[in-house]
């Protein structure tokens, strides 16, 4: 008799426990899944990271260069051109910035003195200015600003409309793309690419 009571009690407690653990109650949101994936240990070397940023930077800078050049060709209105030079009214550029979680800016020679930029960035910009003054070839550049931030720079060709319209008033026309990549977002995209 006692064993039946014990079995009944154990069965009752077990059924309560199982009903409390209803799998339908646990719902994983996309954000929670992403956060759990981000927490997994991943072996990514600095070389992997720099290579990915270089590829992404080249792809992004080429796409925004094309869109901005195309839009500048469509207007002679100085106010509209000024907006475009500030990267306003460029839907593809906005979409790319969101897709790659990258901050996209267009810098000129005057930004060598821009104190809101990191000292390393101003040095790189100064080197681009020197190369432009000396008519030397320009190459893309990646700077690690902190443990979490990388800056990809690429100069716009001097003969491009962007230099003339956006920075034509400067002694040396110079336009440089500044793409700020957050390390975590780059790693997230690297992981997504590897899964495919």
Foldseek 3Di string as FASTA:
>chain_A
DVVVVVVVVVVVVVVVVVVVVPVVVDDDDPVNVLVVVLPDDDDDDVVNLVVLCVVLVVVLVVVLLVQLLVVVVVDPDLVVNQCVLQVPPRVVNVVSCVVLVKDKHKDWLVCLPVPVDDPVVSVVSVVQVVCQVVVHDWDWDWDDPDPFKIKIKDWDPCPGPSQCSVPVVDPRRTIMMIIIHTSSSSVSVVVVVVVD
